[in-house]
Amino acid sequence: MTFRKSLPKGRSLAIPAVVAVFAAGCAPGPVESQSKPGGRSFTVAAAGDVLIHPELVDQAAKDAEKTGEGEAGLDFGPMLAGLKPVISKADLGICHMETPVGEPEGPFEGYPEFLVPPQVLTALKDVGYDTCSTASNHTFDHGFKGVKRTLDALDEVGLGHTGSARTAEEAEQINIREVNGVKVAHLSYSWESFVHPTPEKQRWVLNRTDTSKIRKAEARARAKGAEAVILSIHWGAEYYNEPGTAQLRLAQWLTEETGIDLVIGHHAHVVQPIQKVNGTWIAYSLGNQVARHSSPAGITEEGAIGWFEFRETTDGWDVTARYRTTLVDIPPEVAPGEKLPEGAVEDHRVVDVRQVLGQPGELSEDRLARYRLAADRTRGFLFNRGAPGGDGLAELSLGK
């Protein structure tokens, strides 16, 4: 568990941009807190990048033919159904919508200028997500129209959002949700794409990572009554399982100079550690929630759902961190007309690894070996900065 006092620390240091953040010295240990009689509590489930590649669109079309459901011939429900037993149990489910969406009928695009089916948002809502971060290096892939279309589509399915905006006024708003009687603010920031930067006259479209802006956003959230603040941040280098120097320095700054209660990282497309820094949990990267890269690397199909329980104390929030390993099943490639090998994966599916290992049924030993590898490797990456032991990070058990 970790204690966070939900107030900005109000230090005098003011750093205008991420590149100016320098490593700080060691901070005092967490202040001991006491349970608050009748104190409130809530749980948060957050997961990795939602990155819809063309192969996943093809899968959604295949599934729509079978289910007769979805919209405009696409059904992402079966692909994401394995997430529901976990995400739906949380009081607040937070997703990361990496890319802009197009029209339901298409056309759609993959890397490098993503434009994905809005039908995936319906599936995300159905598995239990409540709100999404939308700040990423792909936010402006299709310009302002893409940003507006994405936020309109999120509104239509009832998913909250933060990180991008349709107007300058909307950019100043704070996404605050009432969760079990607690006002929880969700912020989202990202570095900006060098390929498709936002135009100067529309700089408000994307929340670009800037320490002074993050500090001001937290202050606005607190002024509006937020009792807990969660930050989603797009940072780091792709395909590295260890956080880089810039991530570590920014994590240090966030935990020393703000009162943000939880940091959820994205962009690496692989799992990085969950670590307690100065009493605050930092999930550097939760990997991919769903993706199908053109050259799957194994670690790009592995992800983690971070599960955080907030308990009210006399001084703020006591936070417990848990995780659940996920894996995107990918069918083997076969020549046209050929059959899949016996026992092989047939469809793209997001799998709750622990659930499958606990109830393997008649799965082949090869399939089970793949799930065991995902469980072991994800555990190793998550624990690589010392979160087990004193920090208390452990696998989430759903119980009966």
Protein backbone atom coordinates (compact mmCIF):
# COMPACT_ATOMS: atom_id res chain seq x y z
CA MET A 1 0.00 0.00 0.00
CA THR A 2 1.03 3.57 -0.43
CA PHE A 3 -0.14 6.76 1.16
CA ARG A 4 -0.79 9.89 -0.86
CA LYS A 5 -1.76 13.17 0.68
CA SER A 6 -4.17 14.63 -1.87
CA LEU A 7 -2.87 18.18 -1.87
CA PRO A 8 -0.22 19.84 -4.05
CA LYS A 9 2.97 20.25 -2.11
CA GLY A 10 3.33 23.85 -3.20
CA ARG A 11 7.07 23.91 -3.69
CA SER A 12 8.69 26.96 -5.24
CA LEU A 13 10.29 25.05 -8.14
CA ALA A 14 8.59 25.88 -11.45
CA ILE A 15 9.80 24.08 -14.57
CA PRO A 16 8.20 25.11 -17.88
CA ALA A 17 8.74 21.96 -19.92
CA VAL A 18 9.62 18.30 -19.62
CA VAL A 19 13.02 18.76 -21.17
CA ALA A 20 13.93 21.05 -18.29
CA VAL A 21 13.10 18.53 -15.58
CA PHE A 22 16.15 17.38 -13.65
CA ALA A 23 16.45 14.52 -11.22
CA ALA A 24 15.65 15.55 -7.67
CA GLY A 25 17.10 14.32 -4.42
CA CYS A 26 15.52 11.77 -2.16
CA ALA A 27 12.28 12.81 -0.50
CA PRO A 28 11.22 11.90 3.02
CA GLY A 29 9.44 8.59 3.43
CA PRO A 30 5.65 8.36 3.32
CA VAL A 31 3.80 9.84 6.26
CA GLU A 32 2.05 7.26 8.40
CA SER A 33 -1.71 7.55 8.08
CA GLN A 34 -4.60 6.13 10.01
CA SER A 35 -7.77 4.55 8.74
CA LYS A 36 -10.69 6.93 8.72
CA PRO A 37 -13.82 5.60 10.42
CA GLY A 38 -16.48 5.32 7.73
CA GLY A 39 -13.91 6.29 5.13
CA ARG A 40 -14.76 5.97 1.48
CA SER A 41 -13.04 3.71 -1.04
CA PHE A 42 -13.04 3.03 -4.75
CA THR A 43 -11.20 0.87 -7.27
CA VAL A 44 -9.62 1.87 -10.57
CA ALA A 45 -8.81 -0.45 -13.48
CA ALA A 46 -6.53 0.99 -16.16
CA ALA A 47 -4.96 -0.75 -19.12
CA GLY A 48 -2.62 -0.20 -22.05
CA ASP A 49 -2.93 1.23 -25.53
CA VAL A 50 -5.96 0.54 -27.71
CA LEU A 51 -4.26 0.34 -31.11
CA ILE A 52 -6.48 -1.02 -33.87
CA HIS A 53 -4.37 -2.35 -36.73
CA PRO A 54 -5.92 -3.49 -40.05
CA GLU A 55 -5.81 -7.18 -39.04
CA LEU A 56 -8.06 -6.37 -36.09
CA VAL A 57 -10.55 -4.64 -38.37
CA ASP A 58 -10.60 -7.80 -40.50
CA GLN A 59 -11.25 -9.82 -37.34
CA ALA A 60 -14.14 -7.55 -36.35
CA ALA A 61 -15.67 -8.11 -39.81
CA LYS A 62 -15.28 -11.87 -39.43
CA ASP A 63 -16.91 -11.76 -36.01
CA ALA A 64 -19.80 -9.61 -37.23
CA GLU A 65 -20.60 -12.26 -39.82
CA LYS A 66 -20.83 -14.84 -37.03
CA THR A 67 -22.67 -12.77 -34.43
CA GLY A 68 -24.90 -10.70 -36.69
CA GLU A 69 -24.19 -7.82 -34.32
CA GLY A 70 -22.07 -4.69 -34.34
CA GLU A 71 -22.47 -1.83 -36.76
CA ALA A 72 -21.68 -1.47 -40.46
CA GLY A 73 -20.36 -5.03 -40.57
CA LEU A 74 -17.91 -4.73 -37.66
CA ASP A 75 -18.22 -6.25 -34.19
CA PHE A 76 -15.32 -5.81 -31.74
CA GLY A 77 -17.29 -7.40 -28.88
CA PRO A 78 -15.90 -10.94 -29.15
CA MET A 79 -12.33 -9.65 -29.45
CA LEU A 80 -12.53 -7.69 -26.17
CA ALA A 81 -14.96 -9.89 -24.22
CA GLY A 82 -12.17 -11.46 -22.16
CA LEU A 83 -11.60 -8.12 -20.44
CA LYS A 84 -15.10 -7.77 -19.05
CA PRO A 85 -14.77 -9.93 -15.90
CA VAL A 86 -11.95 -7.65 -14.71
CA ILE A 87 -12.80 -4.18 -16.05
CA SER A 88 -16.49 -4.40 -15.14
CA LYS A 89 -15.64 -5.07 -11.48
CA ALA A 90 -13.81 -1.75 -11.06
CA ASP A 91 -15.61 1.34 -9.84
CA LEU A 92 -13.74 3.37 -12.48
CA GLY A 93 -12.40 1.90 -15.72
CA ILE A 94 -9.86 4.02 -17.65
CA CYS A 95 -8.79 3.16 -21.19
CA HIS A 96 -6.25 4.80 -23.49
CA MET A 97 -7.64 5.53 -26.96
CA GLU A 98 -4.43 5.87 -28.93
CA THR A 99 -5.81 6.90 -32.31
CA PRO A 100 -8.54 8.93 -34.04
CA VAL A 101 -11.63 7.16 -35.34
CA GLY A 102 -13.19 7.39 -38.78
CA GLU A 103 -16.72 6.90 -40.03
CA PRO A 104 -18.39 3.52 -39.28
CA GLU A 105 -18.19 2.46 -42.93
CA GLY A 106 -14.55 3.52 -43.34
CA PRO A 107 -12.17 3.98 -44.97
CA PHE A 108 -9.70 2.95 -42.27
CA GLU A 109 -5.93 3.25 -42.06
CA GLY A 110 -3.14 1.65 -40.06
CA TYR A 111 0.35 2.82 -39.24
CA PRO A 112 1.62 5.53 -39.54
CA GLU A 113 -1.58 7.62 -39.90
CA PHE A 114 -4.17 5.66 -37.97
CA LEU A 115 -7.88 6.01 -38.65
CA VAL A 116 -9.84 3.26 -36.92
CA PRO A 117 -13.48 2.10 -36.68
CA PRO A 118 -15.56 3.93 -34.06
CA GLN A 119 -17.28 0.59 -33.39
CA VAL A 120 -14.40 -0.30 -31.07
CA LEU A 121 -15.63 2.39 -28.65
CA THR A 122 -18.94 0.56 -28.22
CA ALA A 123 -17.03 -2.59 -27.28
CA LEU A 124 -14.83 -0.68 -24.82
CA LYS A 125 -17.93 0.72 -23.16
CA ASP A 126 -19.54 -2.71 -23.05
CA VAL A 127 -16.62 -4.35 -21.21
CA GLY A 128 -16.84 -1.71 -18.49
CA TYR A 129 -14.68 1.27 -19.34
CA ASP A 130 -16.00 4.63 -18.13
CA THR A 131 -13.54 7.16 -19.53
CA CYS A 132 -10.51 7.29 -21.84
CA SER A 133 -7.35 9.31 -22.25
CA THR A 134 -6.97 10.65 -25.79
CA ALA A 135 -3.63 12.49 -25.72
CA SER A 136 -1.04 10.67 -27.82
CA ASN A 137 1.40 11.22 -30.65
CA HIS A 138 -1.37 9.97 -33.00
CA THR A 139 -4.09 12.35 -31.78
CA PHE A 140 -3.69 14.67 -34.77
CA ASP A 141 -3.07 11.99 -37.41
CA HIS A 142 -6.12 13.19 -39.36
CA GLY A 143 -6.17 16.79 -38.27
CA PHE A 144 -8.84 18.66 -36.41
CA LYS A 145 -11.66 16.74 -38.13
CA GLY A 146 -10.22 13.51 -36.75
CA VAL A 147 -10.03 14.93 -33.23
CA LYS A 148 -13.60 16.22 -33.35
CA ARG A 149 -14.95 13.00 -34.83
CA THR A 150 -13.25 10.95 -32.11
CA LEU A 151 -14.56 13.04 -29.22
CA ASP A 152 -18.04 13.13 -30.76
CA ALA A 153 -17.99 9.34 -31.03
CA LEU A 154 -16.86 8.95 -27.41
CA ASP A 155 -19.71 11.21 -26.33
CA GLU A 156 -22.18 9.18 -28.39
CA VAL A 157 -21.33 5.88 -26.67
CA GLY A 158 -21.12 7.46 -23.21
CA LEU A 159 -17.37 7.30 -22.62
CA GLY A 160 -15.72 10.22 -20.87
CA HIS A 161 -12.52 11.66 -22.33
CA THR A 162 -9.60 13.92 -21.57
CA GLY A 163 -6.40 14.91 -23.36
CA SER A 164 -7.73 16.51 -26.55
CA ALA A 165 -10.39 19.11 -27.24
CA ARG A 166 -12.74 20.51 -29.88
CA THR A 167 -12.58 24.08 -28.63
CA ALA A 168 -10.26 26.20 -26.54
CA GLU A 169 -12.98 26.33 -23.88
CA GLU A 170 -13.24 22.53 -23.77
CA ALA A 171 -9.47 22.31 -23.37
CA GLU A 172 -9.77 24.17 -20.06
CA GLN A 173 -12.38 21.81 -18.69
CA ILE A 174 -11.50 19.04 -16.24
CA ASN A 175 -12.86 15.50 -16.55
CA ILE A 176 -14.23 14.87 -13.05
CA ARG A 177 -16.33 11.81 -12.30
CA GLU A 178 -18.08 10.90 -9.07
CA VAL A 179 -16.95 7.44 -8.04
CA ASN A 180 -18.50 5.92 -4.90
CA GLY A 181 -19.14 9.42 -3.61
CA VAL A 182 -15.59 10.61 -4.38
CA LYS A 183 -14.86 13.25 -7.01
CA VAL A 184 -12.05 11.83 -9.14
CA ALA A 185 -10.32 13.93 -11.80
CA HIS A 186 -8.63 12.35 -14.81
CA LEU A 187 -5.92 14.26 -16.70
CA SER A 188 -4.15 13.20 -19.91
CA TYR A 189 -0.93 14.55 -21.49
CA SER A 190 1.40 13.49 -24.30
CA TRP A 191 4.43 14.45 -26.32
CA GLU A 192 3.43 15.70 -29.75
CA SER A 193 4.03 13.94 -33.06
CA PHE A 194 6.75 15.49 -35.17
CA VAL A 195 4.96 14.20 -38.28
CA HIS A 196 1.57 15.77 -37.55
CA PRO A 197 2.02 18.60 -35.05
CA THR A 198 -0.98 20.66 -34.07
CA PRO A 199 -1.04 24.07 -35.81
CA GLU A 200 -0.09 27.10 -33.78
CA LYS A 201 -3.61 28.51 -33.86
CA GLN A 202 -4.99 25.23 -32.48
CA ARG A 203 -2.38 24.39 -29.87
CA TRP A 204 -5.21 23.73 -27.42
CA VAL A 205 -6.30 20.63 -29.41
CA LEU A 206 -3.77 18.39 -27.62
CA ASN A 207 -2.55 18.45 -24.03
CA ARG A 208 1.20 18.52 -24.63
CA THR A 209 3.35 17.39 -21.73
CA ASP A 210 4.53 20.44 -19.83
CA THR A 211 5.15 20.43 -16.11
CA SER A 212 3.70 23.89 -15.54
CA LYS A 213 0.52 22.95 -17.42
CA ILE A 214 0.14 19.71 -15.50
CA ARG A 215 0.55 21.60 -12.23
CA LYS A 216 -2.09 24.16 -13.29
CA ALA A 217 -4.50 21.44 -14.45
CA GLU A 218 -4.25 19.72 -11.08
CA ALA A 219 -4.90 23.03 -9.35
CA ARG A 220 -8.01 23.58 -11.50
CA ALA A 221 -9.18 20.08 -10.68
CA ARG A 222 -8.77 20.65 -6.94
CA ALA A 223 -10.55 24.01 -7.22
CA LYS A 224 -13.47 22.21 -8.85
CA GLY A 225 -13.70 19.81 -5.94
CA ALA A 226 -11.57 16.88 -7.08
CA GLU A 227 -10.57 14.77 -4.10
CA ALA A 228 -8.29 12.45 -6.09
CA VAL A 229 -6.40 13.14 -9.32
CA ILE A 230 -5.22 10.50 -11.80
CA LEU A 231 -2.80 11.34 -14.62
CA SER A 232 -2.51 9.37 -17.87
CA ILE A 233 0.71 10.23 -19.68
CA HIS A 234 2.13 9.26 -23.08
CA TRP A 235 5.90 9.06 -22.67
CA GLY A 236 9.05 7.01 -23.06
CA ALA A 237 10.61 5.06 -25.93
CA GLU A 238 8.77 2.38 -27.87
CA TYR A 239 9.56 -1.31 -27.31
CA TYR A 240 11.81 -0.80 -24.27
CA ASN A 241 10.74 -2.65 -21.14
CA GLU A 242 12.57 -0.24 -18.85
CA PRO A 243 11.59 3.41 -18.39
CA GLY A 244 14.06 5.92 -19.78
CA THR A 245 15.78 8.77 -18.01
CA ALA A 246 13.14 11.32 -19.05
CA GLN A 247 10.37 9.13 -17.61
CA LEU A 248 12.22 8.63 -14.35
CA ARG A 249 12.90 12.34 -13.98
CA LEU A 250 9.33 13.31 -14.74
CA ALA A 251 8.03 10.66 -12.33
CA GLN A 252 10.28 12.12 -9.66
CA TRP A 253 9.00 15.63 -10.35
CA LEU A 254 5.33 14.58 -10.40
CA THR A 255 5.64 12.84 -7.05
CA GLU A 256 7.56 15.66 -5.39
CA GLU A 257 5.93 18.75 -6.85
CA THR A 258 2.27 17.80 -7.29
CA GLY A 259 -0.43 16.04 -5.33
CA ILE A 260 -1.37 13.70 -8.19
CA ASP A 261 -2.45 10.39 -6.67
CA LEU A 262 -1.73 7.91 -9.49
CA VAL A 263 0.22 8.01 -12.78
CA ILE A 264 -0.67 5.68 -15.68
CA GLY A 265 1.84 5.50 -18.53
CA HIS A 266 1.43 4.63 -22.22
CA HIS A 267 3.26 4.66 -25.57
CA ALA A 268 5.99 2.01 -25.13
CA HIS A 269 3.68 -0.76 -26.47
CA VAL A 270 5.37 -3.14 -24.04
CA VAL A 271 5.04 -3.61 -20.30
CA GLN A 272 7.29 -1.54 -18.06
CA PRO A 273 7.53 -1.59 -14.24
CA ILE A 274 4.97 -0.40 -11.75
CA GLN A 275 6.86 1.40 -9.02
CA LYS A 276 6.10 3.46 -5.95
CA VAL A 277 7.96 6.78 -6.14
CA ASN A 278 7.84 9.07 -3.11
CA GLY A 279 4.67 7.32 -2.00
CA THR A 280 2.87 7.47 -5.36
CA TRP A 281 2.27 4.54 -7.69
CA ILE A 282 3.71 5.02 -11.18
CA ALA A 283 2.73 2.55 -13.91
CA TYR A 284 5.39 3.45 -16.48
CA SER A 285 3.69 1.47 -19.26
CA LEU A 286 0.89 -1.07 -19.21
CA GLY A 287 1.79 -2.31 -22.68
CA ASN A 288 -0.89 -2.83 -25.31
CA GLN A 289 -4.46 -3.57 -24.34
CA VAL A 290 -5.23 -4.62 -27.88
CA ALA A 291 -2.94 -4.37 -30.93
CA ARG A 292 -1.67 -6.42 -33.84
CA HIS A 293 1.64 -5.03 -35.05
CA SER A 294 2.72 -5.98 -38.57
CA SER A 295 5.66 -7.87 -37.06
CA PRO A 296 4.44 -9.22 -33.70
CA ALA A 297 7.29 -9.36 -31.22
CA GLY A 298 5.62 -11.37 -28.46
CA ILE A 299 6.11 -8.62 -25.88
CA THR A 300 3.93 -6.28 -28.00
CA GLU A 301 0.99 -8.65 -27.52
CA GLU A 302 1.44 -8.78 -23.75
CA GLY A 303 -0.17 -6.21 -21.50
CA ALA A 304 -1.29 -5.56 -17.96
CA ILE A 305 -4.41 -4.23 -16.34
CA GLY A 306 -3.41 -2.10 -13.39
CA TRP A 307 -5.84 -2.35 -10.47
CA PHE A 308 -5.66 0.31 -7.77
CA GLU A 309 -7.75 0.43 -4.60
CA PHE A 310 -8.07 3.84 -2.94
CA ARG A 311 -8.98 3.90 0.76
CA GLU A 312 -9.63 7.13 2.61
CA THR A 313 -7.45 7.88 5.62
CA THR A 314 -7.28 10.78 8.04
CA ASP A 315 -4.71 12.45 5.77
CA GLY A 316 -5.60 11.47 2.23
CA TRP A 317 -5.60 8.21 0.26
CA ASP A 318 -3.98 4.87 0.94
CA VAL A 319 -3.52 3.08 -2.41
CA THR A 320 -3.01 -0.63 -3.00
CA ALA A 321 -1.68 -1.79 -6.40
CA ARG A 322 -2.52 -5.05 -8.16
CA TYR A 323 -2.22 -6.23 -11.76
CA ARG A 324 -3.71 -8.73 -14.19
CA THR A 325 -1.79 -10.03 -17.22
CA THR A 326 -3.41 -9.92 -20.66
CA LEU A 327 -2.35 -11.36 -24.01
CA VAL A 328 -3.61 -10.74 -27.54
CA ASP A 329 -3.99 -14.13 -29.22
CA ILE A 330 -2.81 -13.99 -32.84
CA PRO A 331 -3.68 -16.74 -35.35
CA PRO A 332 -0.74 -18.15 -37.32
CA GLU A 333 -0.44 -17.03 -40.92
CA VAL A 334 -1.37 -19.68 -43.48
CA ALA A 335 -1.49 -19.63 -47.26
CA PRO A 336 -4.91 -19.09 -48.91
CA GLY A 337 -6.91 -22.31 -48.82
CA GLU A 338 -4.74 -23.95 -46.17
CA LYS A 339 -6.12 -24.96 -42.79
CA LEU A 340 -4.80 -23.82 -39.45
CA PRO A 341 -2.73 -26.38 -37.54
CA GLU A 342 -4.74 -28.43 -35.08
CA GLY A 343 -5.09 -26.66 -31.75
CA ALA A 344 -3.83 -23.32 -33.11
CA VAL A 345 -5.32 -19.94 -32.26
CA GLU A 346 -8.18 -19.25 -34.65
CA ASP A 347 -9.10 -15.64 -33.88
CA HIS A 348 -7.62 -12.44 -32.51
CA ARG A 349 -8.74 -12.28 -28.88
CA VAL A 350 -7.67 -10.37 -25.78
CA VAL A 351 -7.13 -13.04 -23.14
CA ASP A 352 -7.13 -12.79 -19.36
CA VAL A 353 -4.05 -14.96 -18.90
CA ARG A 354 -4.64 -15.95 -15.28
CA GLN A 355 -8.24 -16.93 -16.01
CA VAL A 356 -7.16 -19.18 -18.88
CA LEU A 357 -4.36 -20.80 -16.89
CA GLY A 358 -6.79 -21.46 -14.06
CA GLN A 359 -9.31 -23.09 -16.40
CA PRO A 360 -7.30 -24.45 -19.33
CA GLY A 361 -9.92 -26.86 -20.58
CA GLU A 362 -8.56 -28.78 -23.56
CA LEU A 363 -5.99 -26.24 -24.69
CA SER A 364 -2.82 -27.67 -26.16
CA GLU A 365 0.40 -27.67 -24.21
CA ASP A 366 1.87 -25.23 -26.75
CA ARG A 367 -0.93 -22.74 -26.12
CA LEU A 368 -0.56 -23.08 -22.37
CA ALA A 369 3.19 -22.58 -22.64
CA ARG A 370 2.57 -19.28 -24.43
CA TYR A 371 0.23 -18.10 -21.66
CA ARG A 372 2.71 -19.13 -18.97
CA LEU A 373 5.44 -17.19 -20.76
CA ALA A 374 3.22 -14.10 -20.87
CA ALA A 375 2.44 -14.42 -17.15
CA ASP A 376 6.07 -14.92 -16.13
CA ARG A 377 7.52 -12.29 -18.43
CA THR A 378 4.93 -9.65 -17.54
CA ARG A 379 5.49 -10.30 -13.85
CA GLY A 380 9.22 -9.85 -14.33
CA PHE A 381 8.84 -6.56 -16.22
CA LEU A 382 6.33 -5.16 -13.73
CA PHE A 383 8.49 -6.07 -10.73
CA ASN A 384 11.78 -4.91 -12.22
CA ARG A 385 12.04 -1.77 -10.09
CA GLY A 386 11.31 -3.37 -6.76
CA ALA A 387 7.54 -3.02 -6.42
CA PRO A 388 7.01 -6.39 -4.69
CA GLY A 389 8.04 -6.76 -1.09
CA GLY A 390 7.66 -3.51 0.81
CA ASP A 391 5.65 -1.77 -1.91
CA GLY A 392 3.19 -4.62 -2.04
CA LEU A 393 2.50 -5.01 -5.77
CA ALA A 394 0.84 -8.38 -6.40
CA GLU A 395 -1.32 -10.17 -8.92
CA LEU A 396 -5.05 -9.44 -8.71
CA SER A 397 -7.26 -12.30 -7.60
CA LEU A 398 -10.86 -12.01 -8.71
CA GLY A 399 -12.09 -14.47 -6.10
CA LYS A 400 -15.10 -16.66 -6.68
